[in-house]
């Protein structure tokens, strides 16, 4: 369930168009906390970006440089 949303959010964080697939940065979840019984799932990526997937389907992302990502503009599958 959460894997699909994290993958889509990670794709949004890749800002440079890369012709060679080897030039695309690789991101992975370095830390996470699962309070899905009550609140949701929080995660930190290898580049220190953080995100939260709440149980009510709202999402919050803060990039490693402190930029808030407005998720209303993202289209989720």
PDB file of N, CA and C in Angstrom:
ATOM      1  N   UNK A   1       0.822  -1.187   0.000  1.00  0.00           N
ATOM      2  CA  UNK A   1       0.000   0.000   0.000  1.00  0.00           C
ATOM      3  C   UNK A   1       0.873   1.260   0.000  1.00  0.00           C
ATOM      4  N   UNK A   2       1.768   1.384   0.972  1.00  0.00           N
ATOM      5  CA  UNK A   2       2.596   2.577   1.064  1.00  0.00           C
ATOM      6  C   UNK A   2       3.694   2.603   0.006  1.00  0.00           C
ATOM      7  N   UNK A   3       4.155   1.450  -0.430  1.00  0.00           N
ATOM      8  CA  UNK A   3       5.251   1.385  -1.388  1.00  0.00           C
ATOM      9  C   UNK A   3       4.920   2.148  -2.660  1.00  0.00           C
ATOM     10  N   UNK A   4       3.698   2.021  -3.155  1.00  0.00           N
ATOM     11  CA  UNK A   4       3.295   2.700  -4.382  1.00  0.00           C
ATOM     12  C   UNK A   4       3.398   4.212  -4.223  1.00  0.00           C
ATOM     13  N   UNK A   5       2.943   4.764  -3.098  1.00  0.00           N
ATOM     14  CA  UNK A   5       2.985   6.201  -2.891  1.00  0.00           C
ATOM     15  C   UNK A   5       4.415   6.708  -2.754  1.00  0.00           C
ATOM     16  N   UNK A   6       5.258   5.980  -2.032  1.00  0.00           N
ATOM     17  CA  UNK A   6       6.644   6.402  -1.863  1.00  0.00           C
ATOM     18  C   UNK A   6       7.347   6.431  -3.211  1.00  0.00           C
ATOM     19  N   UNK A   7       7.125   5.436  -4.045  1.00  0.00           N
ATOM     20  CA  UNK A   7       7.767   5.376  -5.357  1.00  0.00           C
ATOM     21  C   UNK A   7       7.357   6.579  -6.197  1.00  0.00           C
ATOM     22  N   UNK A   8       6.100   6.959  -6.190  1.00  0.00           N
ATOM     23  CA  UNK A   8       5.633   8.100  -6.974  1.00  0.00           C
ATOM     24  C   UNK A   8       6.227   9.389  -6.438  1.00  0.00           C
ATOM     25  N   UNK A   9       6.302   9.533  -5.130  1.00  0.00           N
ATOM     26  CA  UNK A   9       6.877  10.732  -4.543  1.00  0.00           C
ATOM     27  C   UNK A   9       8.363  10.834  -4.875  1.00  0.00           C
ATOM     28  N   UNK A  10       9.071   9.726  -4.880  1.00  0.00           N
ATOM     29  CA  UNK A  10      10.488   9.741  -5.217  1.00  0.00           C
ATOM     30  C   UNK A  10      10.698  10.162  -6.655  1.00  0.00           C
ATOM     31  N   UNK A  11       9.846   9.717  -7.552  1.00  0.00           N
ATOM     32  CA  UNK A  11       9.969  10.120  -8.946  1.00  0.00           C
ATOM     33  C   UNK A  11       9.793  11.626  -9.091  1.00  0.00           C
ATOM     34  N   UNK A  12       8.932  12.222  -8.272  1.00  0.00           N
ATOM     35  CA  UNK A  12       8.725  13.662  -8.329  1.00  0.00           C
ATOM     36  C   UNK A  12       9.974  14.409  -7.872  1.00  0.00           C
ATOM     37  N   UNK A  13      10.738  13.843  -6.949  1.00  0.00           N
ATOM     38  CA  UNK A  13      11.916  14.512  -6.419  1.00  0.00           C
ATOM     39  C   UNK A  13      13.068  14.570  -7.419  1.00  0.00           C
ATOM     40  N   UNK A  14      13.043  13.736  -8.449  1.00  0.00           N
ATOM     41  CA  UNK A  14      14.095  13.753  -9.464  1.00  0.00           C
ATOM     42  C   UNK A  14      13.801  14.908 -10.410  1.00  0.00           C
ATOM     43  N   UNK A  15      14.612  15.952 -10.337  1.00  0.00           N
ATOM     44  CA  UNK A  15      14.301  17.182 -11.074  1.00  0.00           C
ATOM     45  C   UNK A  15      15.021  17.283 -12.409  1.00  0.00           C
ATOM     46  N   UNK A  16      16.168  16.661 -12.568  1.00  0.00           N
ATOM     47  CA  UNK A  16      16.925  16.772 -13.812  1.00  0.00           C
ATOM     48  C   UNK A  16      16.481  15.694 -14.794  1.00  0.00           C
ATOM     49  N   UNK A  17      16.338  16.087 -16.039  1.00  0.00           N
ATOM     50  CA  UNK A  17      16.055  15.121 -17.090  1.00  0.00           C
ATOM     51  C   UNK A  17      17.368  14.441 -17.450  1.00  0.00           C
ATOM     52  N   UNK A  18      17.407  13.139 -17.345  1.00  0.00           N
ATOM     53  CA  UNK A  18      18.639  12.411 -17.628  1.00  0.00           C
ATOM     54  C   UNK A  18      18.425  11.535 -18.846  1.00  0.00           C
ATOM     55  N   UNK A  19      19.339  11.608 -19.790  1.00  0.00           N
ATOM     56  CA  UNK A  19      19.251  10.767 -20.976  1.00  0.00           C
ATOM     57  C   UNK A  19      19.738   9.354 -20.677  1.00  0.00           C
ATOM     58  N   UNK A  20      20.783   9.243 -19.902  1.00  0.00           N
ATOM     59  CA  UNK A  20      21.360   7.950 -19.560  1.00  0.00           C
ATOM     60  C   UNK A  20      20.749   7.478 -18.234  1.00  0.00           C
ATOM     61  N   UNK A  21      20.122   6.299 -18.205  1.00  0.00           N
ATOM     62  CA  UNK A  21      19.528   5.820 -16.949  1.00  0.00           C
ATOM     63  C   UNK A  21      20.531   5.726 -15.805  1.00  0.00           C
ATOM     64  N   UNK A  22      21.800   5.534 -16.110  1.00  0.00           N
ATOM     65  CA  UNK A  22      22.818   5.467 -15.062  1.00  0.00           C
ATOM     66  C   UNK A  22      23.024   6.821 -14.392  1.00  0.00           C
ATOM     67  N   UNK A  23      22.600   7.908 -15.040  1.00  0.00           N
ATOM     68  CA  UNK A  23      22.769   9.242 -14.482  1.00  0.00           C
ATOM     69  C   UNK A  23      21.649   9.616 -13.515  1.00  0.00           C
ATOM     70  N   UNK A  24      20.588   8.832 -13.452  1.00  0.00           N
ATOM     71  CA  UNK A  24      19.466   9.110 -12.556  1.00  0.00           C
ATOM     72  C   UNK A  24      19.867   8.731 -11.131  1.00  0.00           C
ATOM     73  N   UNK A  25      19.718   9.650 -10.167  1.00  0.00           N
ATOM     74  CA  UNK A  25      20.098   9.320  -8.792  1.00  0.00           C
ATOM     75  C   UNK A  25      19.224   8.208  -8.221  1.00  0.00           C
ATOM     76  N   UNK A  26      19.821   7.426  -7.341  1.00  0.00           N
ATOM     77  CA  UNK A  26      19.096   6.327  -6.695  1.00  0.00           C
ATOM     78  C   UNK A  26      18.767   6.756  -5.274  1.00  0.00           C
ATOM     79  N   UNK A  27      17.506   6.635  -4.889  1.00  0.00           N
ATOM     80  CA  UNK A  27      17.061   6.972  -3.543  1.00  0.00           C
ATOM     81  C   UNK A  27      16.610   5.707  -2.834  1.00  0.00           C
ATOM     82  N   UNK A  28      16.817   5.681  -1.527  1.00  0.00           N
ATOM     83  CA  UNK A  28      16.304   4.578  -0.724  1.00  0.00           C
ATOM     84  C   UNK A  28      15.875   5.118   0.632  1.00  0.00           C
ATOM     85  N   UNK A  29      15.000   4.360   1.275  1.00  0.00           N
ATOM     86  CA  UNK A  29      14.504   4.730   2.600  1.00  0.00           C
ATOM     87  C   UNK A  29      15.563   4.316   3.610  1.00  0.00           C
ATOM     88  N   UNK A  30      16.105   5.301   4.331  1.00  0.00           N
ATOM     89  CA  UNK A  30      17.143   5.007   5.306  1.00  0.00           C
ATOM     90  C   UNK A  30      16.583   4.779   6.702  1.00  0.00           C
ATOM     91  N   UNK A  31      15.450   5.400   7.005  1.00  0.00           N
ATOM     92  CA  UNK A  31      14.791   5.213   8.306  1.00  0.00           C
ATOM     93  C   UNK A  31      13.286   5.299   8.094  1.00  0.00           C
ATOM     94  N   UNK A  32      12.535   4.610   8.914  1.00  0.00           N
ATOM     95  CA  UNK A  32      11.094   4.719   8.865  1.00  0.00           C
ATOM     96  C   UNK A  32      10.519   4.416  10.230  1.00  0.00           C
ATOM     97  N   UNK A  33       9.310   4.890  10.433  1.00  0.00           N
ATOM     98  CA  UNK A  33       8.565   4.598  11.649  1.00  0.00           C
ATOM     99  C   UNK A  33       7.138   4.279  11.227  1.00  0.00           C
ATOM    100  N   UNK A  34       6.607   3.207  11.761  1.00  0.00           N
ATOM    101  CA  UNK A  34       5.270   2.745  11.364  1.00  0.00           C
ATOM    102  C   UNK A  34       4.309   2.881  12.534  1.00  0.00           C
ATOM    103  N   UNK A  35       3.497   3.930  12.489  1.00  0.00           N
ATOM    104  CA  UNK A  35       2.411   4.118  13.441  1.00  0.00           C
ATOM    105  C   UNK A  35       1.089   4.026  12.694  1.00  0.00           C
ATOM    106  N   UNK A  36       1.025   3.108  11.712  1.00  0.00           N
ATOM    107  CA  UNK A  36      -0.142   3.034  10.844  1.00  0.00           C
ATOM    108  C   UNK A  36      -1.405   2.621  11.588  1.00  0.00           C
ATOM    109  N   UNK A  37      -1.279   1.997  12.744  1.00  0.00           N
ATOM    110  CA  UNK A  37      -2.473   1.673  13.528  1.00  0.00           C
ATOM    111  C   UNK A  37      -3.173   2.930  14.012  1.00  0.00           C
ATOM    112  N   UNK A  38      -2.412   4.003  14.230  1.00  0.00           N
ATOM    113  CA  UNK A  38      -2.997   5.220  14.772  1.00  0.00           C
ATOM    114  C   UNK A  38      -2.850   6.427  13.842  1.00  0.00           C
ATOM    115  N   UNK A  39      -1.641   6.663  13.275  1.00  0.00           N
ATOM    116  CA  UNK A  39      -1.376   7.884  12.514  1.00  0.00           C
ATOM    117  C   UNK A  39      -1.031   7.644  11.047  1.00  0.00           C
ATOM    118  N   UNK A  40      -0.007   6.825  10.801  1.00  0.00           N
ATOM    119  CA  UNK A  40       0.468   6.598   9.439  1.00  0.00           C
ATOM    120  C   UNK A  40       1.914   6.149   9.444  1.00  0.00           C
ATOM    121  N   UNK A  41       2.590   6.407   8.345  1.00  0.00           N
ATOM    122  CA  UNK A  41       3.965   5.960   8.151  1.00  0.00           C
ATOM    123  C   UNK A  41       4.857   7.171   7.879  1.00  0.00           C
ATOM    124  N   UNK A  42       5.968   7.259   8.595  1.00  0.00           N
ATOM    125  CA  UNK A  42       6.946   8.314   8.362  1.00  0.00           C
ATOM    126  C   UNK A  42       8.228   7.701   7.841  1.00  0.00           C
ATOM    127  N   UNK A  43       8.949   8.429   6.977  1.00  0.00           N
ATOM    128  CA  UNK A  43      10.178   7.895   6.419  1.00  0.00           C
ATOM    129  C   UNK A  43      11.201   9.002   6.187  1.00  0.00           C
ATOM    130  N   UNK A  44      12.466   8.608   6.166  1.00  0.00           N
ATOM    131  CA  UNK A  44      13.562   9.489   5.796  1.00  0.00           C
ATOM    132  C   UNK A  44      14.322   8.817   4.672  1.00  0.00           C
ATOM    133  N   UNK A  45      14.632   9.585   3.636  1.00  0.00           N
ATOM    134  CA  UNK A  45      15.377   9.050   2.503  1.00  0.00           C
ATOM    135  C   UNK A  45      16.873   9.239   2.711  1.00  0.00           C
ATOM    136  N   UNK A  46      17.659   8.589   1.862  1.00  0.00           N
ATOM    137  CA  UNK A  46      19.116   8.649   1.963  1.00  0.00           C
ATOM    138  C   UNK A  46      19.658  10.060   1.798  1.00  0.00           C
ATOM    139  N   UNK A  47      18.910  10.965   1.156  1.00  0.00           N
ATOM    140  CA  UNK A  47      19.362  12.349   0.986  1.00  0.00           C
ATOM    141  C   UNK A  47      18.814  13.277   2.078  1.00  0.00           C
ATOM    142  N   UNK A  48      18.274  12.695   3.151  1.00  0.00           N
ATOM    143  CA  UNK A  48      17.713  13.394   4.313  1.00  0.00           C
ATOM    144  C   UNK A  48      16.370  14.068   4.040  1.00  0.00           C
ATOM    145  N   UNK A  49      15.735  13.802   2.902  1.00  0.00           N
ATOM    146  CA  UNK A  49      14.356  14.229   2.699  1.00  0.00           C
ATOM    147  C   UNK A  49      13.470  13.377   3.612  1.00  0.00           C
ATOM    148  N   UNK A  50      12.375  13.950   4.066  1.00  0.00           N
ATOM    149  CA  UNK A  50      11.470  13.209   4.935  1.00  0.00           C
ATOM    150  C   UNK A  50      10.049  13.306   4.391  1.00  0.00           C
ATOM    151  N   UNK A  51       9.245  12.334   4.714  1.00  0.00           N
ATOM    152  CA  UNK A  51       7.861  12.330   4.289  1.00  0.00           C
ATOM    153  C   UNK A  51       6.995  11.571   5.266  1.00  0.00           C
ATOM    154  N   UNK A  52       5.715  11.881   5.242  1.00  0.00           N
ATOM    155  CA  UNK A  52       4.736  11.202   6.079  1.00  0.00           C
ATOM    156  C   UNK A  52       3.540  10.852   5.212  1.00  0.00           C
ATOM    157  N   UNK A  53       3.078   9.614   5.320  1.00  0.00           N
ATOM    158  CA  UNK A  53       1.860   9.152   4.665  1.00  0.00           C
ATOM    159  C   UNK A  53       0.852   8.879   5.770  1.00  0.00           C
ATOM    160  N   UNK A  54      -0.130   9.762   5.898  1.00  0.00           N
ATOM    161  CA  UNK A  54      -1.111   9.625   6.966  1.00  0.00           C
ATOM    162  C   UNK A  54      -2.200   8.633   6.566  1.00  0.00           C
ATOM    163  N   UNK A  55      -2.854   8.067   7.560  1.00  0.00           N
ATOM    164  CA  UNK A  55      -3.905   7.082   7.310  1.00  0.00           C
ATOM    165  C   UNK A  55      -5.081   7.656   6.529  1.00  0.00           C
ATOM    166  N   UNK A  56      -5.304   8.950   6.594  1.00  0.00           N
ATOM    167  CA  UNK A  56      -6.417   9.559   5.852  1.00  0.00           C
ATOM    168  C   UNK A  56      -6.017   9.909   4.416  1.00  0.00           C
ATOM    169  N   UNK A  57      -4.877   9.369   3.951  1.00  0.00           N
ATOM    170  CA  UNK A  57      -4.360   9.535   2.587  1.00  0.00           C
ATOM    171  C   UNK A  57      -3.708  10.887   2.316  1.00  0.00           C
ATOM    172  N   UNK A  58      -3.555  11.733   3.322  1.00  0.00           N
ATOM    173  CA  UNK A  58      -2.809  12.968   3.110  1.00  0.00           C
ATOM    174  C   UNK A  58      -1.321  12.659   3.197  1.00  0.00           C
ATOM    175  N   UNK A  59      -0.518  13.486   2.539  1.00  0.00           N
ATOM    176  CA  UNK A  59       0.922  13.267   2.459  1.00  0.00           C
ATOM    177  C   UNK A  59       1.654  14.580   2.670  1.00  0.00           C
ATOM    178  N   UNK A  60       2.833  14.482   3.260  1.00  0.00           N
ATOM    179  CA  UNK A  60       3.683  15.644   3.475  1.00  0.00           C
ATOM    180  C   UNK A  60       5.105  15.236   3.119  1.00  0.00           C
ATOM    181  N   UNK A  61       5.802  16.083   2.354  1.00  0.00           N
ATOM    182  CA  UNK A  61       7.204  15.841   2.031  1.00  0.00           C
ATOM    183  C   UNK A  61       7.986  17.121   2.298  1.00  0.00           C
ATOM    184  N   UNK A  62       9.156  16.963   2.897  1.00  0.00           N
ATOM    185  CA  UNK A  62      10.095  18.052   3.094  1.00  0.00           C
ATOM    186  C   UNK A  62      11.417  17.599   2.493  1.00  0.00           C
ATOM    187  N   UNK A  63      11.891  18.327   1.476  1.00  0.00           N
ATOM    188  CA  UNK A  63      13.124  17.923   0.794  1.00  0.00           C
ATOM    189  C   UNK A  63      14.322  18.174   1.687  1.00  0.00           C
ATOM    190  N   UNK A  64      15.462  17.658   1.285  1.00  0.00           N
ATOM    191  CA  UNK A  64      16.682  17.786   2.088  1.00  0.00           C
ATOM    192  C   UNK A  64      17.137  19.231   2.252  1.00  0.00           C
ATOM    193  N   UNK A  65      16.747  20.113   1.335  1.00  0.00           N
ATOM    194  CA  UNK A  65      17.112  21.534   1.465  1.00  0.00           C
ATOM    195  C   UNK A  65      16.026  22.343   2.174  1.00  0.00           C
ATOM    196  N   UNK A  66      15.035  21.671   2.752  1.00  0.00           N
ATOM    197  CA  UNK A  66      14.012  22.340   3.547  1.00  0.00           C
ATOM    198  C   UNK A  66      12.811  22.821   2.762  1.00  0.00           C
ATOM    199  N   UNK A  67      12.701  22.467   1.500  1.00  0.00           N
ATOM    200  CA  UNK A  67      11.590  22.896   0.656  1.00  0.00           C
ATOM    201  C   UNK A  67      10.378  21.995   0.886  1.00  0.00           C
ATOM    202  N   UNK A  68       9.238  22.620   1.123  1.00  0.00           N
ATOM    203  CA  UNK A  68       7.985  21.886   1.280  1.00  0.00           C
ATOM    204  C   UNK A  68       7.445  21.541  -0.100  1.00  0.00           C
ATOM    205  N   UNK A  69       7.036  20.291  -0.296  1.00  0.00           N
ATOM    206  CA  UNK A  69       6.513  19.848  -1.585  1.00  0.00           C
ATOM    207  C   UNK A  69       4.989  19.869  -1.528  1.00  0.00           C
ATOM    208  N   UNK A  70       4.351  20.714  -2.335  1.00  0.00           N
ATOM    209  CA  UNK A  70       2.877  20.746  -2.361  1.00  0.00           C
ATOM    210  C   UNK A  70       2.341  19.526  -3.095  1.00  0.00           C
ATOM    211  N   UNK A  71       1.794  18.581  -2.370  1.00  0.00           N
ATOM    212  CA  UNK A  71       1.375  17.320  -2.969  1.00  0.00           C
ATOM    213  C   UNK A  71       0.030  17.402  -3.667  1.00  0.00           C
ATOM    214  N   UNK A  72      -0.653  18.503  -3.561  1.00  0.00           N
ATOM    215  CA  UNK A  72      -1.937  18.636  -4.251  1.00  0.00           C
ATOM    216  C   UNK A  72      -1.742  18.603  -5.757  1.00  0.00           C
ATOM    217  N   UNK A  73      -0.552  18.935  -6.221  1.00  0.00           N
ATOM    218  CA  UNK A  73      -0.321  18.956  -7.662  1.00  0.00           C
ATOM    219  C   UNK A  73       0.120  17.603  -8.207  1.00  0.00           C
ATOM    220  N   UNK A  74       0.369  16.630  -7.346  1.00  0.00           N
ATOM    221  CA  UNK A  74       0.778  15.306  -7.804  1.00  0.00           C
ATOM    222  C   UNK A  74      -0.441  14.448  -8.124  1.00  0.00           C
ATOM    223  N   UNK A  75      -0.293  13.586  -9.092  1.00  0.00           N
ATOM    224  CA  UNK A  75      -1.358  12.658  -9.451  1.00  0.00           C
ATOM    225  C   UNK A  75      -0.945  11.269  -9.012  1.00  0.00           C
ATOM    226  N   UNK A  76      -1.739  10.667  -8.146  1.00  0.00           N
ATOM    227  CA  UNK A  76      -1.426   9.350  -7.625  1.00  0.00           C
ATOM    228  C   UNK A  76      -2.265   8.300  -8.330  1.00  0.00           C
ATOM    229  N   UNK A  77      -1.648   7.160  -8.527  1.00  0.00           N
ATOM    230  CA  UNK A  77      -2.319   6.056  -9.218  1.00  0.00           C
ATOM    231  C   UNK A  77      -3.277   5.368  -8.269  1.00  0.00           C
TER     232      UNK A  77
END
